[in-house]
Amino acid sequence: MQRWSRHIVLGCISIFALTLMSAALTGCNTVEGVGKDVKAAGGALEDAADGDD
């Protein structure tokens, strides 16, 4: 019985770790996209301030 419960615990930990890693990778892609958007908006603001249309 103890061996069976150990496998369940290890399986749950593995699933949790995979879920956490997937969320982290998704978050990295999202932050990268936001960074590109902010950079583009900053460039547009600079162009507007300089009078370059």
N, C-alpha and C. Protein backbone atom coordinates (compact mmCIF):
# COMPACT_ATOMS: atom_id res chain seq x y z
N MET A 1 0.82 -1.20 0.00
CA MET A 1 0.00 0.00 0.00
C MET A 1 0.86 1.26 0.00
N GLN A 2 1.96 1.22 0.71
CA GLN A 2 2.82 2.40 0.79
C GLN A 2 3.44 2.71 -0.58
N ARG A 3 3.82 1.68 -1.32
CA ARG A 3 4.43 1.88 -2.63
C ARG A 3 3.42 2.53 -3.59
N TRP A 4 2.18 2.12 -3.52
CA TRP A 4 1.12 2.67 -4.36
C TRP A 4 0.92 4.15 -4.08
N SER A 5 0.86 4.54 -2.81
CA SER A 5 0.65 5.94 -2.47
C SER A 5 1.86 6.79 -2.85
N ARG A 6 3.06 6.21 -2.80
CA ARG A 6 4.26 6.95 -3.21
C ARG A 6 4.19 7.28 -4.69
N HIS A 7 3.71 6.35 -5.51
CA HIS A 7 3.58 6.60 -6.94
C HIS A 7 2.56 7.71 -7.21
N ILE A 8 1.49 7.72 -6.46
CA ILE A 8 0.48 8.77 -6.63
C ILE A 8 1.06 10.13 -6.28
N VAL A 9 1.79 10.22 -5.19
CA VAL A 9 2.40 11.49 -4.78
C VAL A 9 3.40 11.97 -5.84
N LEU A 10 4.26 11.06 -6.32
CA LEU A 10 5.23 11.44 -7.34
C LEU A 10 4.54 11.87 -8.64
N GLY A 11 3.45 11.20 -8.98
CA GLY A 11 2.69 11.58 -10.17
C GLY A 11 2.07 12.96 -10.04
N CYS A 12 1.53 13.24 -8.87
CA CYS A 12 0.93 14.56 -8.63
C CYS A 12 1.99 15.66 -8.67
N ILE A 13 3.15 15.39 -8.09
CA ILE A 13 4.24 16.38 -8.11
C ILE A 13 4.70 16.61 -9.55
N SER A 14 4.79 15.55 -10.33
CA SER A 14 5.21 15.70 -11.74
C SER A 14 4.20 16.53 -12.52
N ILE A 15 2.94 16.25 -12.35
CA ILE A 15 1.91 17.02 -13.05
C ILE A 15 1.95 18.48 -12.63
N PHE A 16 2.12 18.73 -11.35
CA PHE A 16 2.21 20.11 -10.85
C PHE A 16 3.42 20.82 -11.46
N ALA A 17 4.57 20.13 -11.50
CA ALA A 17 5.79 20.74 -12.05
C ALA A 17 5.62 21.05 -13.54
N LEU A 18 5.02 20.15 -14.30
CA LEU A 18 4.79 20.40 -15.72
C LEU A 18 3.83 21.56 -15.94
N THR A 19 2.80 21.64 -15.12
CA THR A 19 1.85 22.75 -15.22
C THR A 19 2.54 24.07 -14.91
N LEU A 20 3.37 24.08 -13.88
CA LEU A 20 4.09 25.29 -13.50
C LEU A 20 5.05 25.73 -14.60
N MET A 21 5.77 24.79 -15.19
CA MET A 21 6.70 25.12 -16.28
C MET A 21 5.95 25.64 -17.51
N SER A 22 4.80 25.05 -17.81
CA SER A 22 4.00 25.52 -18.94
C SER A 22 3.52 26.94 -18.72
N ALA A 23 3.07 27.22 -17.52
CA ALA A 23 2.62 28.57 -17.19
C ALA A 23 3.77 29.56 -17.28
N ALA A 24 4.94 29.17 -16.83
CA ALA A 24 6.10 30.06 -16.88
C ALA A 24 6.49 30.37 -18.32
N LEU A 25 6.48 29.36 -19.18
CA LEU A 25 6.82 29.58 -20.59
C LEU A 25 5.78 30.46 -21.27
N THR A 26 4.54 30.26 -20.96
CA THR A 26 3.48 31.09 -21.53
C THR A 26 3.64 32.53 -21.06
N GLY A 27 3.96 32.71 -19.79
CA GLY A 27 4.17 34.05 -19.25
C GLY A 27 5.33 34.75 -19.93
N CYS A 28 6.40 34.02 -20.23
CA CYS A 28 7.56 34.62 -20.91
C CYS A 28 7.16 35.13 -22.29
N ASN A 29 6.40 34.33 -23.01
CA ASN A 29 5.97 34.76 -24.34
C ASN A 29 5.05 35.97 -24.25
N THR A 30 4.20 36.01 -23.26
CA THR A 30 3.29 37.14 -23.10
C THR A 30 4.06 38.41 -22.75
N VAL A 31 5.02 38.32 -21.84
CA VAL A 31 5.82 39.49 -21.46
C VAL A 31 6.63 39.98 -22.65
N GLU A 32 7.16 39.07 -23.45
CA GLU A 32 7.92 39.46 -24.63
C GLU A 32 7.04 40.24 -25.60
N GLY A 33 5.82 39.77 -25.80
CA GLY A 33 4.89 40.47 -26.69
C GLY A 33 4.52 41.84 -26.18
N VAL A 34 4.31 41.96 -24.87
CA VAL A 34 3.99 43.26 -24.28
C VAL A 34 5.18 44.21 -24.44
N GLY A 35 6.40 43.69 -24.27
CA GLY A 35 7.60 44.51 -24.44
C GLY A 35 7.70 45.07 -25.85
N LYS A 36 7.38 44.25 -26.83
CA LYS A 36 7.41 44.72 -28.23
C LYS A 36 6.36 45.80 -28.45
N ASP A 37 5.18 45.62 -27.89
CA ASP A 37 4.11 46.61 -28.04
C ASP A 37 4.49 47.94 -27.39
N VAL A 38 5.08 47.87 -26.20
CA VAL A 38 5.48 49.09 -25.49
C VAL A 38 6.59 49.79 -26.28
N LYS A 39 7.52 49.03 -26.84
CA LYS A 39 8.60 49.61 -27.63
C LYS A 39 8.03 50.32 -28.86
N ALA A 40 7.08 49.70 -29.52
CA ALA A 40 6.46 50.31 -30.71
C ALA A 40 5.70 51.58 -30.34
N ALA A 41 5.00 51.53 -29.21
CA ALA A 41 4.25 52.72 -28.76
C ALA A 41 5.22 53.84 -28.40
N GLY A 42 6.35 53.50 -27.77
CA GLY A 42 7.35 54.51 -27.43
C GLY A 42 7.94 55.15 -28.68
N GLY A 43 8.18 54.34 -29.70
CA GLY A 43 8.70 54.88 -30.97
C GLY A 43 7.69 55.81 -31.62
N ALA A 44 6.42 55.47 -31.55
CA ALA A 44 5.38 56.32 -32.12
C ALA A 44 5.29 57.64 -31.36
N LEU A 45 5.42 57.58 -30.05
CA LEU A 45 5.40 58.81 -29.25
C LEU A 45 6.61 59.70 -29.57
N GLU A 46 7.77 59.11 -29.74
CA GLU A 46 8.97 59.88 -30.09
C GLU A 46 8.78 60.55 -31.45
N ASP A 47 8.24 59.79 -32.41
CA ASP A 47 8.01 60.36 -33.73
C ASP A 47 7.02 61.50 -33.69
N ALA A 48 5.96 61.35 -32.90
CA ALA A 48 4.96 62.42 -32.76
C ALA A 48 5.56 63.64 -32.08
N ALA A 49 6.42 63.43 -31.10
CA ALA A 49 7.05 64.56 -30.41
C ALA A 49 8.04 65.28 -31.30
N ASP A 50 8.70 64.52 -32.19
CA ASP A 50 9.67 65.13 -33.11
C ASP A 50 8.98 65.77 -34.31
N GLY A 51 7.72 65.47 -34.51
CA GLY A 51 6.98 66.00 -35.63
C GLY A 51 7.11 65.17 -36.89
N ASP A 52 7.67 63.97 -36.76
CA ASP A 52 7.80 63.05 -37.90
C ASP A 52 6.51 62.27 -38.04
N ASP A 53 5.80 62.46 -39.14
CA ASP A 53 4.54 61.75 -39.33
C ASP A 53 4.72 60.60 -40.23
